[in-house]
């Protein structure tokens, strides 16, 4: 079987990660246990994940003309991701994310987009040749919304399946949601988009129906320890795998990439199960891109949990 041809348009950051006993409350100082500089950014994470899962991947984004930008480029290349459309901007530094990770594996993140916000709709239009060859296009919300909208429109013109990972949480224009084939938020992102607080699978179902009402063709809800839910042509709920979480920072990115890789190859339940497995494995390893699992690791995990 030929590999899935996948384009990721999104952010490329360097994560400044400090491990702490617990996430500090407002006004509280805590002593960090360790510090690391790790390649991240939701877009680049998903590109690396898709590459490790066996897809043929192109990444489009923007980094600064600095050491962090080169570090990101090398990480993408190491995952066999094509970086011809990774632009270098001399006016802004590479984006960063300051991440606190608690002993329980939970995280708190502050993103400074910097060069990511130098991406323009003109850059997106230049992607038409590679979009016309793509099976799937992955998008997130860490680049300007006009670029996300332009990429969704181009995906539809080029007959490529578009998947909008709705992170980070923010209110998104209904018209933009309606241009996506698949919208995939977590609980917090779903509430920001729909106004529906998601504390249960039933809540997630209600939020998903709101997304369909906005025009999305399919909704895939990422529910963390509760698993995932598909609402569209049918409704499918798939429980999460039980793992010991080390760092949940990019588990959602692993899920989204896996969804893009597997969507056209199997049924909805099997797709959710595959994506759940990728997200679970990512949560067991520290760091964003370092935690993205290989196809062999996901297949082995699924075989062990069959």
C-alpha atoms as a PDB file:
ATOM      1  CA  UNK A   1       0.000   0.000   0.000  1.00  0.00           C
ATOM      2  CA  UNK A   2       1.312   3.452  -0.934  1.00  0.00           C
ATOM      3  CA  UNK A   3       1.919   5.803   2.004  1.00  0.00           C
ATOM      4  CA  UNK A   4      -0.684   8.443   2.794  1.00  0.00           C
ATOM      5  CA  UNK A   5       0.331  11.786   1.282  1.00  0.00           C
ATOM      6  CA  UNK A   6      -0.125  14.354   4.012  1.00  0.00           C
ATOM      7  CA  UNK A   7       0.493  18.101   4.295  1.00  0.00           C
ATOM      8  CA  UNK A   8       0.705  19.845   7.659  1.00  0.00           C
ATOM      9  CA  UNK A   9       0.295  23.623   7.795  1.00  0.00           C
ATOM     10  CA  UNK A  10       1.022  25.015  11.215  1.00  0.00           C
ATOM     11  CA  UNK A  11       3.321  26.145  13.979  1.00  0.00           C
ATOM     12  CA  UNK A  12       6.925  25.243  14.699  1.00  0.00           C
ATOM     13  CA  UNK A  13       8.086  26.106  18.214  1.00  0.00           C
ATOM     14  CA  UNK A  14      10.869  25.309  20.593  1.00  0.00           C
ATOM     15  CA  UNK A  15       9.513  24.108  23.928  1.00  0.00           C
ATOM     16  CA  UNK A  16      11.222  25.344  27.096  1.00  0.00           C
ATOM     17  CA  UNK A  17      10.185  22.590  29.484  1.00  0.00           C
ATOM     18  CA  UNK A  18      10.484  22.664  33.274  1.00  0.00           C
ATOM     19  CA  UNK A  19       9.372  19.694  35.370  1.00  0.00           C
ATOM     20  CA  UNK A  20       7.727  20.746  38.652  1.00  0.00           C
ATOM     21  CA  UNK A  21       6.142  18.924  41.631  1.00  0.00           C
ATOM     22  CA  UNK A  22       2.792  20.531  40.722  1.00  0.00           C
ATOM     23  CA  UNK A  23       1.481  23.295  38.473  1.00  0.00           C
ATOM     24  CA  UNK A  24       1.786  26.517  40.527  1.00  0.00           C
ATOM     25  CA  UNK A  25      -1.294  28.481  41.511  1.00  0.00           C
ATOM     26  CA  UNK A  26      -1.452  32.246  40.794  1.00  0.00           C
ATOM     27  CA  UNK A  27       1.194  33.981  42.906  1.00  0.00           C
ATOM     28  CA  UNK A  28       2.890  30.705  43.898  1.00  0.00           C
ATOM     29  CA  UNK A  29       6.565  29.907  43.206  1.00  0.00           C
ATOM     30  CA  UNK A  30       7.820  26.335  42.985  1.00  0.00           C
ATOM     31  CA  UNK A  31      11.274  24.821  42.570  1.00  0.00           C
ATOM     32  CA  UNK A  32      11.741  23.110  39.195  1.00  0.00           C
ATOM     33  CA  UNK A  33      13.214  19.607  39.060  1.00  0.00           C
ATOM     34  CA  UNK A  34      14.741  19.874  35.573  1.00  0.00           C
ATOM     35  CA  UNK A  35      14.848  21.977  32.404  1.00  0.00           C
ATOM     36  CA  UNK A  36      15.071  20.961  28.735  1.00  0.00           C
ATOM     37  CA  UNK A  37      14.852  22.577  25.315  1.00  0.00           C
ATOM     38  CA  UNK A  38      12.686  20.397  23.048  1.00  0.00           C
ATOM     39  CA  UNK A  39      11.336  20.776  19.511  1.00  0.00           C
ATOM     40  CA  UNK A  40       7.565  21.323  19.518  1.00  0.00           C
ATOM     41  CA  UNK A  41       4.702  23.369  18.091  1.00  0.00           C
ATOM     42  CA  UNK A  42       1.397  21.687  17.270  1.00  0.00           C
ATOM     43  CA  UNK A  43       1.997  21.735  13.533  1.00  0.00           C
ATOM     44  CA  UNK A  44       5.554  20.444  13.630  1.00  0.00           C
ATOM     45  CA  UNK A  45       4.591  17.841  16.251  1.00  0.00           C
ATOM     46  CA  UNK A  46       1.894  16.481  13.968  1.00  0.00           C
ATOM     47  CA  UNK A  47       4.248  16.457  10.981  1.00  0.00           C
ATOM     48  CA  UNK A  48       6.850  14.467  12.934  1.00  0.00           C
ATOM     49  CA  UNK A  49       4.177  12.086  14.237  1.00  0.00           C
ATOM     50  CA  UNK A  50       2.757  11.491  10.752  1.00  0.00           C
ATOM     51  CA  UNK A  51       6.247  10.894   9.378  1.00  0.00           C
ATOM     52  CA  UNK A  52       6.996   8.314  12.058  1.00  0.00           C
ATOM     53  CA  UNK A  53       3.639   6.662  11.372  1.00  0.00           C
ATOM     54  CA  UNK A  54       4.684   6.089   7.768  1.00  0.00           C
ATOM     55  CA  UNK A  55       3.059   8.968   5.864  1.00  0.00           C
ATOM     56  CA  UNK A  56       4.760  10.969   3.120  1.00  0.00           C
ATOM     57  CA  UNK A  57       4.718  14.396   4.783  1.00  0.00           C
ATOM     58  CA  UNK A  58       5.298  18.011   3.741  1.00  0.00           C
ATOM     59  CA  UNK A  59       5.380  20.680   6.450  1.00  0.00           C
ATOM     60  CA  UNK A  60       4.548  24.340   5.803  1.00  0.00           C
ATOM     61  CA  UNK A  61       5.266  26.951   8.440  1.00  0.00           C
ATOM     62  CA  UNK A  62       7.649  29.710   9.465  1.00  0.00           C
ATOM     63  CA  UNK A  63      10.639  29.875  11.824  1.00  0.00           C
ATOM     64  CA  UNK A  64      13.135  32.581  12.678  1.00  0.00           C
ATOM     65  CA  UNK A  65      16.637  32.919  11.280  1.00  0.00           C
ATOM     66  CA  UNK A  66      18.150  31.524  14.458  1.00  0.00           C
ATOM     67  CA  UNK A  67      19.488  28.389  16.142  1.00  0.00           C
ATOM     68  CA  UNK A  68      16.000  27.360  17.309  1.00  0.00           C
ATOM     69  CA  UNK A  69      14.777  27.469  13.719  1.00  0.00           C
ATOM     70  CA  UNK A  70      17.606  25.228  12.554  1.00  0.00           C
ATOM     71  CA  UNK A  71      16.956  22.844  15.459  1.00  0.00           C
ATOM     72  CA  UNK A  72      13.342  22.553  14.314  1.00  0.00           C
ATOM     73  CA  UNK A  73      14.331  21.974  10.688  1.00  0.00           C
ATOM     74  CA  UNK A  74      16.683  19.150  11.653  1.00  0.00           C
ATOM     75  CA  UNK A  75      14.065  17.472  13.841  1.00  0.00           C
ATOM     76  CA  UNK A  76      11.562  17.494  10.964  1.00  0.00           C
ATOM     77  CA  UNK A  77      14.117  16.116   8.517  1.00  0.00           C
ATOM     78  CA  UNK A  78      15.021  13.328  10.950  1.00  0.00           C
ATOM     79  CA  UNK A  79      11.362  12.193  10.783  1.00  0.00           C
ATOM     80  CA  UNK A  80      11.527  12.183   6.947  1.00  0.00           C
ATOM     81  CA  UNK A  81       9.385  15.307   6.692  1.00  0.00           C
ATOM     82  CA  UNK A  82       9.913  17.510   3.623  1.00  0.00           C
ATOM     83  CA  UNK A  83      10.728  21.085   4.666  1.00  0.00           C
ATOM     84  CA  UNK A  84      10.745  22.885   1.283  1.00  0.00           C
ATOM     85  CA  UNK A  85       7.828  25.037   2.509  1.00  0.00           C
ATOM     86  CA  UNK A  86       9.291  25.842   5.949  1.00  0.00           C
ATOM     87  CA  UNK A  87       9.964  29.572   5.559  1.00  0.00           C
ATOM     88  CA  UNK A  88      12.666  31.506   7.414  1.00  0.00           C
ATOM     89  CA  UNK A  89      11.806  35.009   8.627  1.00  0.00           C
ATOM     90  CA  UNK A  90      14.559  37.390   9.724  1.00  0.00           C
ATOM     91  CA  UNK A  91      12.226  39.838  11.469  1.00  0.00           C
ATOM     92  CA  UNK A  92      10.935  37.510  14.205  1.00  0.00           C
ATOM     93  CA  UNK A  93      12.525  34.733  16.276  1.00  0.00           C
ATOM     94  CA  UNK A  94      11.313  31.144  16.176  1.00  0.00           C
ATOM     95  CA  UNK A  95       8.189  30.639  18.261  1.00  0.00           C
ATOM     96  CA  UNK A  96       8.517  29.319  21.795  1.00  0.00           C
ATOM     97  CA  UNK A  97       6.339  27.540  24.308  1.00  0.00           C
ATOM     98  CA  UNK A  98       7.078  27.737  28.027  1.00  0.00           C
ATOM     99  CA  UNK A  99       5.805  24.455  29.463  1.00  0.00           C
ATOM    100  CA  UNK A 100       5.457  23.314  33.058  1.00  0.00           C
ATOM    101  CA  UNK A 101       5.009  19.553  33.514  1.00  0.00           C
ATOM    102  CA  UNK A 102       3.888  18.216  36.904  1.00  0.00           C
ATOM    103  CA  UNK A 103       4.873  14.924  38.510  1.00  0.00           C
ATOM    104  CA  UNK A 104       1.406  13.621  37.576  1.00  0.00           C
ATOM    105  CA  UNK A 105       2.097  14.340  33.888  1.00  0.00           C
ATOM    106  CA  UNK A 106      -0.260  17.325  33.595  1.00  0.00           C
ATOM    107  CA  UNK A 107       0.966  20.493  31.914  1.00  0.00           C
ATOM    108  CA  UNK A 108       0.538  24.264  31.702  1.00  0.00           C
ATOM    109  CA  UNK A 109       1.675  26.013  28.497  1.00  0.00           C
ATOM    110  CA  UNK A 110       2.288  29.613  27.370  1.00  0.00           C
ATOM    111  CA  UNK A 111       2.948  29.975  23.619  1.00  0.00           C
ATOM    112  CA  UNK A 112       4.679  32.982  22.027  1.00  0.00           C
ATOM    113  CA  UNK A 113       3.974  32.619  18.279  1.00  0.00           C
ATOM    114  CA  UNK A 114       6.658  35.046  16.976  1.00  0.00           C
ATOM    115  CA  UNK A 115       7.675  33.802  13.473  1.00  0.00           C
ATOM    116  CA  UNK A 116       4.619  31.547  13.273  1.00  0.00           C
ATOM    117  CA  UNK A 117       2.493  34.667  12.826  1.00  0.00           C
ATOM    118  CA  UNK A 118       4.587  35.782   9.838  1.00  0.00           C
ATOM    119  CA  UNK A 119       2.890  33.109   7.742  1.00  0.00           C
ATOM    120  CA  UNK A 120       0.517  34.732   5.216  1.00  0.00           C
ATOM    121  CA  UNK A 121      -2.319  33.637   2.904  1.00  0.00           C
ATOM    122  CA  UNK A 122       0.148  34.216   0.068  1.00  0.00           C
ATOM    123  CA  UNK A 123       2.336  31.450   1.482  1.00  0.00           C
ATOM    124  CA  UNK A 124      -0.736  29.192   1.536  1.00  0.00           C
ATOM    125  CA  UNK A 125      -1.623  29.856  -2.112  1.00  0.00           C
ATOM    126  CA  UNK A 126       1.918  28.834  -3.074  1.00  0.00           C
ATOM    127  CA  UNK A 127       1.147  25.377  -1.642  1.00  0.00           C
ATOM    128  CA  UNK A 128      -1.370  24.515  -4.364  1.00  0.00           C
ATOM    129  CA  UNK A 129       0.964  22.086  -6.213  1.00  0.00           C
ATOM    130  CA  UNK A 130       1.598  19.996  -3.093  1.00  0.00           C
ATOM    131  CA  UNK A 131      -2.059  20.236  -1.977  1.00  0.00           C
ATOM    132  CA  UNK A 132      -3.129  18.788  -5.332  1.00  0.00           C
ATOM    133  CA  UNK A 133      -1.000  15.725  -4.592  1.00  0.00           C
ATOM    134  CA  UNK A 134      -2.178  15.401  -0.970  1.00  0.00           C
ATOM    135  CA  UNK A 135      -4.671  12.941   0.492  1.00  0.00           C
ATOM    136  CA  UNK A 136      -4.977  14.780   3.827  1.00  0.00           C
ATOM    137  CA  UNK A 137      -4.202  18.283   5.146  1.00  0.00           C
ATOM    138  CA  UNK A 138      -3.745  18.866   8.895  1.00  0.00           C
ATOM    139  CA  UNK A 139      -4.287  22.299  10.449  1.00  0.00           C
ATOM    140  CA  UNK A 140      -4.245  23.828  13.933  1.00  0.00           C
ATOM    141  CA  UNK A 141      -4.834  27.289  15.444  1.00  0.00           C
ATOM    142  CA  UNK A 142      -1.284  28.424  16.291  1.00  0.00           C
ATOM    143  CA  UNK A 143      -0.947  30.376  13.025  1.00  0.00           C
ATOM    144  CA  UNK A 144      -3.064  33.346  11.828  1.00  0.00           C
ATOM    145  CA  UNK A 145      -6.699  32.361  11.332  1.00  0.00           C
ATOM    146  CA  UNK A 146      -6.703  33.839   7.829  1.00  0.00           C
ATOM    147  CA  UNK A 147      -3.998  31.292   6.936  1.00  0.00           C
ATOM    148  CA  UNK A 148      -6.067  28.462   8.427  1.00  0.00           C
ATOM    149  CA  UNK A 149      -9.084  29.591   6.425  1.00  0.00           C
ATOM    150  CA  UNK A 150      -7.041  29.893   3.218  1.00  0.00           C
ATOM    151  CA  UNK A 151      -5.664  26.375   3.729  1.00  0.00           C
ATOM    152  CA  UNK A 152      -9.148  24.954   4.325  1.00  0.00           C
ATOM    153  CA  UNK A 153     -10.398  26.593   1.132  1.00  0.00           C
ATOM    154  CA  UNK A 154      -7.402  25.319  -0.828  1.00  0.00           C
ATOM    155  CA  UNK A 155      -7.910  21.808   0.574  1.00  0.00           C
ATOM    156  CA  UNK A 156     -11.471  21.766  -0.718  1.00  0.00           C
ATOM    157  CA  UNK A 157     -10.445  23.072  -4.148  1.00  0.00           C
ATOM    158  CA  UNK A 158      -7.773  20.384  -4.358  1.00  0.00           C
ATOM    159  CA  UNK A 159     -10.065  17.602  -3.076  1.00  0.00           C
ATOM    160  CA  UNK A 160      -7.865  16.870  -0.040  1.00  0.00           C
ATOM    161  CA  UNK A 161      -9.427  15.817   3.273  1.00  0.00           C
ATOM    162  CA  UNK A 162      -8.951  18.624   5.821  1.00  0.00           C
ATOM    163  CA  UNK A 163      -8.605  17.965   9.548  1.00  0.00           C
ATOM    164  CA  UNK A 164      -8.751  20.971  11.876  1.00  0.00           C
ATOM    165  CA  UNK A 165      -7.178  20.342  15.280  1.00  0.00           C
ATOM    166  CA  UNK A 166      -8.933  23.077  17.268  1.00  0.00           C
ATOM    167  CA  UNK A 167      -6.038  23.918  19.585  1.00  0.00           C
ATOM    168  CA  UNK A 168      -5.190  26.090  21.340  1.00  0.00           C
ATOM    169  CA  UNK A 169      -8.652  26.825  22.754  1.00  0.00           C
ATOM    170  CA  UNK A 170     -10.269  29.904  21.247  1.00  0.00           C
ATOM    171  CA  UNK A 171     -13.502  31.129  19.725  1.00  0.00           C
ATOM    172  CA  UNK A 172     -13.409  30.357  15.990  1.00  0.00           C
ATOM    173  CA  UNK A 173     -15.686  31.963  13.370  1.00  0.00           C
ATOM    174  CA  UNK A 174     -18.505  29.633  12.385  1.00  0.00           C
ATOM    175  CA  UNK A 175     -17.683  30.169   8.711  1.00  0.00           C
ATOM    176  CA  UNK A 176     -14.188  28.776   9.272  1.00  0.00           C
ATOM    177  CA  UNK A 177     -15.515  25.679  11.065  1.00  0.00           C
ATOM    178  CA  UNK A 178     -17.851  25.070   8.130  1.00  0.00           C
ATOM    179  CA  UNK A 179     -14.911  24.816   5.722  1.00  0.00           C
ATOM    180  CA  UNK A 180     -13.321  21.868   7.570  1.00  0.00           C
ATOM    181  CA  UNK A 181     -14.080  18.249   6.751  1.00  0.00           C
ATOM    182  CA  UNK A 182     -13.147  17.031  10.253  1.00  0.00           C
ATOM    183  CA  UNK A 183     -12.984  19.217  13.369  1.00  0.00           C
ATOM    184  CA  UNK A 184     -11.195  17.637  16.345  1.00  0.00           C
ATOM    185  CA  UNK A 185     -11.156  19.559  19.644  1.00  0.00           C
ATOM    186  CA  UNK A 186     -10.402  18.425  23.179  1.00  0.00           C
ATOM    187  CA  UNK A 187     -12.811  19.260  26.007  1.00  0.00           C
ATOM    188  CA  UNK A 188     -11.537  22.806  26.612  1.00  0.00           C
ATOM    189  CA  UNK A 189     -11.340  23.610  22.906  1.00  0.00           C
ATOM    190  CA  UNK A 190     -14.843  22.247  22.314  1.00  0.00           C
ATOM    191  CA  UNK A 191     -16.265  24.541  24.996  1.00  0.00           C
ATOM    192  CA  UNK A 192     -14.474  27.571  23.502  1.00  0.00           C
ATOM    193  CA  UNK A 193     -15.893  26.789  20.064  1.00  0.00           C
ATOM    194  CA  UNK A 194     -19.451  25.821  21.003  1.00  0.00           C
ATOM    195  CA  UNK A 195     -20.157  27.175  24.497  1.00  0.00           C
ATOM    196  CA  UNK A 196     -20.932  23.614  25.662  1.00  0.00           C
ATOM    197  CA  UNK A 197     -18.982  22.648  28.802  1.00  0.00           C
ATOM    198  CA  UNK A 198     -17.626  19.137  28.227  1.00  0.00           C
ATOM    199  CA  UNK A 199     -17.391  17.029  31.394  1.00  0.00           C
ATOM    200  CA  UNK A 200     -18.830  13.769  30.046  1.00  0.00           C
ATOM    201  CA  UNK A 201     -19.232  11.781  26.854  1.00  0.00           C
ATOM    202  CA  UNK A 202     -22.825  13.040  26.602  1.00  0.00           C
ATOM    203  CA  UNK A 203     -21.546  16.626  26.798  1.00  0.00           C
ATOM    204  CA  UNK A 204     -19.024  15.834  24.071  1.00  0.00           C
ATOM    205  CA  UNK A 205     -21.814  14.452  21.900  1.00  0.00           C
ATOM    206  CA  UNK A 206     -23.774  17.695  22.322  1.00  0.00           C
ATOM    207  CA  UNK A 207     -20.715  19.808  21.467  1.00  0.00           C
ATOM    208  CA  UNK A 208     -19.999  17.637  18.426  1.00  0.00           C
ATOM    209  CA  UNK A 209     -23.534  18.170  17.145  1.00  0.00           C
ATOM    210  CA  UNK A 210     -22.997  21.925  17.522  1.00  0.00           C
ATOM    211  CA  UNK A 211     -19.876  21.657  15.348  1.00  0.00           C
ATOM    212  CA  UNK A 212     -21.851  19.765  12.714  1.00  0.00           C
ATOM    213  CA  UNK A 213     -24.463  22.490  12.920  1.00  0.00           C
ATOM    214  CA  UNK A 214     -21.728  25.016  12.094  1.00  0.00           C
ATOM    215  CA  UNK A 215     -21.009  23.102   8.893  1.00  0.00           C
ATOM    216  CA  UNK A 216     -18.234  20.644   9.777  1.00  0.00           C
ATOM    217  CA  UNK A 217     -18.751  17.304   8.027  1.00  0.00           C
ATOM    218  CA  UNK A 218     -17.364  15.205  10.882  1.00  0.00           C
ATOM    219  CA  UNK A 219     -16.461  15.825  14.535  1.00  0.00           C
ATOM    220  CA  UNK A 220     -13.865  13.794  16.431  1.00  0.00           C
ATOM    221  CA  UNK A 221     -13.767  14.707  20.115  1.00  0.00           C
ATOM    222  CA  UNK A 222     -10.538  14.131  22.058  1.00  0.00           C
ATOM    223  CA  UNK A 223     -11.570  13.307  25.638  1.00  0.00           C
ATOM    224  CA  UNK A 224      -8.240  12.482  27.302  1.00  0.00           C
ATOM    225  CA  UNK A 225      -8.617   9.718  29.858  1.00  0.00           C
ATOM    226  CA  UNK A 226     -12.214   9.171  28.689  1.00  0.00           C
ATOM    227  CA  UNK A 227     -11.122   8.254  25.152  1.00  0.00           C
ATOM    228  CA  UNK A 228     -12.574   9.699  21.936  1.00  0.00           C
ATOM    229  CA  UNK A 229     -15.930  10.157  20.216  1.00  0.00           C
ATOM    230  CA  UNK A 230     -16.859  10.361  16.532  1.00  0.00           C
ATOM    231  CA  UNK A 231     -20.070  12.074  15.450  1.00  0.00           C
ATOM    232  CA  UNK A 232     -20.963  12.329  11.786  1.00  0.00           C
ATOM    233  CA  UNK A 233     -22.263   9.586   9.501  1.00  0.00           C
ATOM    234  CA  UNK A 234     -22.717   7.578  12.705  1.00  0.00           C
ATOM    235  CA  UNK A 235     -21.761   7.887  16.379  1.00  0.00           C
ATOM    236  CA  UNK A 236     -18.831   5.887  17.714  1.00  0.00           C
ATOM    237  CA  UNK A 237     -17.310   6.074  21.193  1.00  0.00           C
ATOM    238  CA  UNK A 238     -13.958   4.415  21.887  1.00  0.00           C
ATOM    239  CA  UNK A 239     -12.581   4.273  25.476  1.00  0.00           C
ATOM    240  CA  UNK A 240      -9.011   5.326  26.227  1.00  0.00           C
ATOM    241  CA  UNK A 241      -6.169   2.912  26.873  1.00  0.00           C
ATOM    242  CA  UNK A 242      -4.873   2.839  30.428  1.00  0.00           C
ATOM    243  CA  UNK A 243      -1.255   4.016  30.623  1.00  0.00           C
ATOM    244  CA  UNK A 244       0.959   5.727  33.184  1.00  0.00           C
ATOM    245  CA  UNK A 245       1.238   9.301  31.932  1.00  0.00           C
ATOM    246  CA  UNK A 246       4.654  10.937  32.063  1.00  0.00           C
ATOM    247  CA  UNK A 247       3.935  14.024  29.947  1.00  0.00           C
ATOM    248  CA  UNK A 248       0.646  14.740  28.132  1.00  0.00           C
ATOM    249  CA  UNK A 249       2.019  17.792  26.275  1.00  0.00           C
ATOM    250  CA  UNK A 250       1.698  16.472  22.697  1.00  0.00           C
ATOM    251  CA  UNK A 251      -0.583  13.462  23.145  1.00  0.00           C
ATOM    252  CA  UNK A 252      -3.350  15.289  21.279  1.00  0.00           C
ATOM    253  CA  UNK A 253      -0.971  15.982  18.379  1.00  0.00           C
ATOM    254  CA  UNK A 254      -0.087  12.297  18.134  1.00  0.00           C
ATOM    255  CA  UNK A 255      -3.824  11.527  18.102  1.00  0.00           C
ATOM    256  CA  UNK A 256      -4.558  14.008  15.308  1.00  0.00           C
ATOM    257  CA  UNK A 257      -1.647  12.845  13.151  1.00  0.00           C
ATOM    258  CA  UNK A 258      -2.682   9.219  13.596  1.00  0.00           C
ATOM    259  CA  UNK A 259      -6.248  10.124  12.640  1.00  0.00           C
ATOM    260  CA  UNK A 260      -4.999  11.709   9.412  1.00  0.00           C
ATOM    261  CA  UNK A 261      -2.823   8.718   8.574  1.00  0.00           C
ATOM    262  CA  UNK A 262      -5.528   6.090   9.171  1.00  0.00           C
ATOM    263  CA  UNK A 263      -8.819   7.851   8.294  1.00  0.00           C
ATOM    264  CA  UNK A 264      -9.180   6.671   4.692  1.00  0.00           C
ATOM    265  CA  UNK A 265      -7.874   3.168   5.370  1.00  0.00           C
ATOM    266  CA  UNK A 266     -10.345   1.760   7.885  1.00  0.00           C
ATOM    267  CA  UNK A 267     -13.679   2.193   9.671  1.00  0.00           C
ATOM    268  CA  UNK A 268     -14.437   4.899  12.218  1.00  0.00           C
ATOM    269  CA  UNK A 269     -14.058   2.698  15.317  1.00  0.00           C
ATOM    270  CA  UNK A 270     -10.713   1.316  14.131  1.00  0.00           C
ATOM    271  CA  UNK A 271      -9.541   4.853  13.332  1.00  0.00           C
ATOM    272  CA  UNK A 272     -10.405   6.071  16.831  1.00  0.00           C
ATOM    273  CA  UNK A 273      -8.679   3.076  18.376  1.00  0.00           C
ATOM    274  CA  UNK A 274      -5.514   3.674  16.323  1.00  0.00           C
ATOM    275  CA  UNK A 275      -5.486   7.374  17.234  1.00  0.00           C
ATOM    276  CA  UNK A 276      -6.151   6.599  20.922  1.00  0.00           C
ATOM    277  CA  UNK A 277      -3.157   4.241  20.890  1.00  0.00           C
ATOM    278  CA  UNK A 278      -0.862   6.881  19.373  1.00  0.00           C
ATOM    279  CA  UNK A 279      -1.971   9.454  21.943  1.00  0.00           C
ATOM    280  CA  UNK A 280      -1.550   6.999  24.817  1.00  0.00           C
ATOM    281  CA  UNK A 281       1.990   6.091  23.754  1.00  0.00           C
ATOM    282  CA  UNK A 282       2.923   9.770  23.405  1.00  0.00           C
ATOM    283  CA  UNK A 283       1.807  10.427  26.991  1.00  0.00           C
ATOM    284  CA  UNK A 284       4.277   7.846  28.296  1.00  0.00           C
ATOM    285  CA  UNK A 285       7.355   9.724  27.010  1.00  0.00           C
ATOM    286  CA  UNK A 286       8.636  13.162  28.041  1.00  0.00           C
ATOM    287  CA  UNK A 287       8.823  15.950  25.471  1.00  0.00           C
ATOM    288  CA  UNK A 288       6.720  16.871  22.451  1.00  0.00           C
ATOM    289  CA  UNK A 289       8.367  15.603  19.278  1.00  0.00           C
ATOM    290  CA  UNK A 290      10.512  13.020  21.125  1.00  0.00           C
ATOM    291  CA  UNK A 291       7.283  11.370  22.323  1.00  0.00           C
ATOM    292  CA  UNK A 292       5.708  10.891  18.877  1.00  0.00           C
ATOM    293  CA  UNK A 293       5.457   7.088  18.381  1.00  0.00           C
ATOM    294  CA  UNK A 294       6.444   5.044  15.336  1.00  0.00           C
ATOM    295  CA  UNK A 295       3.990   2.944  13.320  1.00  0.00           C
ATOM    296  CA  UNK A 296       5.663  -0.214  14.622  1.00  0.00           C
ATOM    297  CA  UNK A 297       5.161   0.943  18.219  1.00  0.00           C
ATOM    298  CA  UNK A 298       1.461   1.705  17.654  1.00  0.00           C
ATOM    299  CA  UNK A 299       0.844  -1.602  15.874  1.00  0.00           C
ATOM    300  CA  UNK A 300       2.602  -3.504  18.668  1.00  0.00           C
ATOM    301  CA  UNK A 301       0.610  -1.632  21.329  1.00  0.00           C
ATOM    302  CA  UNK A 302      -2.666  -2.452  19.601  1.00  0.00           C
ATOM    303  CA  UNK A 303      -1.683  -6.101  19.271  1.00  0.00           C
ATOM    304  CA  UNK A 304      -0.953  -6.237  23.014  1.00  0.00           C
ATOM    305  CA  UNK A 305      -4.363  -4.706  23.787  1.00  0.00           C
ATOM    306  CA  UNK A 306      -6.427  -6.710  21.329  1.00  0.00           C
END
